[in-house]
Amino acid sequence: MPTARSTLVRNVAAVAIIAGGCPTALFGGALIGCASQGFTTSCAMSGLVLAPLLLFAAGLVAALLARGLAGLVVLLLGVALGMTSLFFLALILHDPLPLDPVQGVIAWIWFITPTTVGYGLGRVGVRLAVALRT
């Protein structure tokens, strides 16, 4: 049984992984997709394929750290922090993001869906591993 301190550390680590996954998926997916062909339309499409995979992986790793209802709160908090960091990174890079509520909801769905699916499948895998071990 984990102690309260180890649970807090694991939850903070899960938030950090998910929050870091959002900018990594957005900028990293585009950079990985465009590494060999330059920034073209087809490169943007490969970034659209890679970004959800990176978010899925972040959710999967977070599932190994967090659990229960606290894990879902960690997931929501991590995506909210990650999306906020995207806003500030865009300001630092002098490419401000438009502040439109509709686009914000669409972006929230875009980021939360693969992360939640990864987290859910990771939790199912952990539960199955524990059940098979006993």
Protein backbone atom coordinates (compact mmCIF):
# COMPACT_ATOMS: atom_id res chain seq x y z
CA MET A 1 0.00 0.00 0.00
CA PRO A 2 1.58 3.32 -1.06
CA THR A 3 1.97 6.05 1.52
CA ALA A 4 0.34 9.47 1.17
CA ARG A 5 3.69 11.03 0.30
CA SER A 6 4.46 8.57 -2.50
CA THR A 7 0.94 9.01 -3.88
CA LEU A 8 1.39 12.79 -3.96
CA VAL A 9 4.73 12.46 -5.74
CA ARG A 10 3.25 10.04 -8.26
CA ASN A 11 0.28 12.33 -8.93
CA VAL A 12 2.53 15.36 -9.38
CA ALA A 13 4.70 13.35 -11.77
CA ALA A 14 1.60 12.30 -13.73
CA VAL A 15 0.44 15.94 -13.99
CA ALA A 16 3.90 16.92 -15.24
CA ILE A 17 3.91 14.15 -17.84
CA ILE A 18 0.47 15.05 -19.18
CA ALA A 19 1.15 18.80 -19.07
CA GLY A 20 4.41 18.25 -20.95
CA GLY A 21 2.66 15.98 -23.42
CA CYS A 22 0.47 18.78 -24.80
CA PRO A 23 3.27 21.04 -26.11
CA THR A 24 5.27 17.99 -27.10
CA ALA A 25 2.36 16.70 -29.16
CA LEU A 26 1.71 20.03 -30.82
CA PHE A 27 5.26 21.16 -31.54
CA GLY A 28 6.96 17.75 -31.45
CA GLY A 29 4.39 16.11 -33.71
CA ALA A 30 4.85 18.84 -36.30
CA LEU A 31 8.64 18.75 -36.04
CA ILE A 32 8.87 14.96 -36.23
CA GLY A 33 6.46 14.87 -39.16
CA CYS A 34 8.29 17.62 -41.00
CA ALA A 35 11.87 16.58 -40.26
CA SER A 36 12.48 14.99 -43.63
CA GLN A 37 10.19 16.94 -45.95
CA GLY A 38 10.11 20.52 -44.68
CA PHE A 39 6.97 22.37 -43.60
CA THR A 40 4.43 21.46 -46.28
CA THR A 41 0.77 20.45 -46.32
CA SER A 42 1.60 16.74 -46.22
CA CYS A 43 3.93 17.39 -43.29
CA ALA A 44 1.07 19.03 -41.39
CA MET A 45 -1.05 15.93 -41.99
CA SER A 46 1.63 13.66 -40.56
CA GLY A 47 1.75 15.96 -37.53
CA LEU A 48 -1.99 15.43 -37.12
CA VAL A 49 -1.36 11.70 -36.99
CA LEU A 50 1.59 11.88 -34.59
CA ALA A 51 0.12 14.35 -32.08
CA PRO A 52 -2.68 12.05 -30.81
CA LEU A 53 -0.19 9.20 -30.53
CA LEU A 54 2.06 11.33 -28.32
CA LEU A 55 -0.93 12.35 -26.18
CA PHE A 56 -2.01 8.71 -25.96
CA ALA A 57 1.47 7.78 -24.74
CA ALA A 58 1.37 10.55 -22.11
CA GLY A 59 -1.96 9.20 -20.83
CA LEU A 60 -0.60 5.67 -20.78
CA VAL A 61 2.44 6.66 -18.72
CA ALA A 62 0.25 8.72 -16.36
CA ALA A 63 -1.95 5.65 -15.83
CA LEU A 64 1.05 3.82 -14.42
CA LEU A 65 1.54 6.58 -11.85
CA ALA A 66 -1.91 7.83 -10.85
CA ARG A 67 -5.01 5.85 -9.96
CA GLY A 68 -8.63 6.17 -9.01
CA LEU A 69 -10.66 9.35 -8.99
CA ALA A 70 -7.52 11.32 -8.18
CA GLY A 71 -6.09 10.02 -11.47
CA LEU A 72 -8.95 11.54 -13.41
CA VAL A 73 -8.42 14.87 -11.64
CA VAL A 74 -4.72 14.57 -12.45
CA LEU A 75 -5.64 13.97 -16.09
CA LEU A 76 -7.89 17.04 -16.29
CA LEU A 77 -5.40 19.23 -14.44
CA GLY A 78 -2.52 18.06 -16.62
CA VAL A 79 -4.36 18.82 -19.87
CA ALA A 80 -5.47 22.22 -18.55
CA LEU A 81 -1.88 23.08 -17.56
CA GLY A 82 -0.57 21.76 -20.86
CA MET A 83 -3.00 23.87 -22.87
CA THR A 84 -2.14 26.92 -20.76
CA SER A 85 1.54 26.30 -21.41
CA LEU A 86 0.77 26.24 -25.15
CA PHE A 87 -0.70 29.71 -24.87
CA PHE A 88 2.39 31.07 -23.12
CA LEU A 89 4.79 29.26 -25.46
CA ALA A 90 2.99 30.81 -28.41
CA LEU A 91 3.39 34.25 -26.83
CA ILE A 92 7.11 33.63 -26.24
CA LEU A 93 7.53 32.52 -29.86
CA HIS A 94 5.70 35.69 -31.01
CA ASP A 95 2.92 33.66 -32.60
CA PRO A 96 -0.10 34.42 -30.41
CA LEU A 97 -2.99 32.00 -30.39
CA PRO A 98 -6.47 33.31 -31.13
CA LEU A 99 -8.62 33.42 -28.00
CA ASP A 100 -11.89 32.09 -29.34
CA PRO A 101 -14.08 30.02 -26.98
CA VAL A 102 -15.21 27.69 -29.77
CA GLN A 103 -11.63 26.95 -30.80
CA GLY A 104 -10.77 26.46 -27.13
CA VAL A 105 -13.45 23.79 -26.77
CA ILE A 106 -12.31 22.09 -29.96
CA ALA A 107 -8.69 22.16 -28.75
CA TRP A 108 -9.77 20.77 -25.34
CA ILE A 109 -11.51 17.86 -27.09
CA TRP A 110 -8.47 17.36 -29.35
CA PHE A 111 -6.09 17.13 -26.37
CA ILE A 112 -8.27 15.38 -23.80
CA THR A 113 -9.60 12.53 -25.96
CA PRO A 114 -6.38 10.64 -26.80
CA THR A 115 -4.97 11.37 -23.34
CA THR A 116 -8.08 9.94 -21.67
CA VAL A 117 -8.11 6.89 -23.93
CA GLY A 118 -4.44 6.24 -23.12
CA TYR A 119 -5.10 6.72 -19.40
CA GLY A 120 -8.13 4.42 -19.48
CA LEU A 121 -6.36 1.65 -21.35
CA GLY A 122 -3.36 2.00 -19.08
CA ARG A 123 -5.54 1.65 -15.98
CA VAL A 124 -7.26 -1.41 -17.47
CA GLY A 125 -3.83 -2.91 -18.16
CA VAL A 126 -2.66 -2.22 -14.61
CA ARG A 127 -5.82 -3.75 -13.16
CA LEU A 128 -5.45 -6.85 -15.34
CA ALA A 129 -1.79 -7.22 -14.37
CA VAL A 130 -2.69 -7.00 -10.67
CA ALA A 131 -5.56 -9.47 -11.10
CA LEU A 132 -3.38 -11.96 -12.96
CA ARG A 133 -0.62 -11.66 -10.38
CA THR A 134 -2.91 -12.71 -7.51
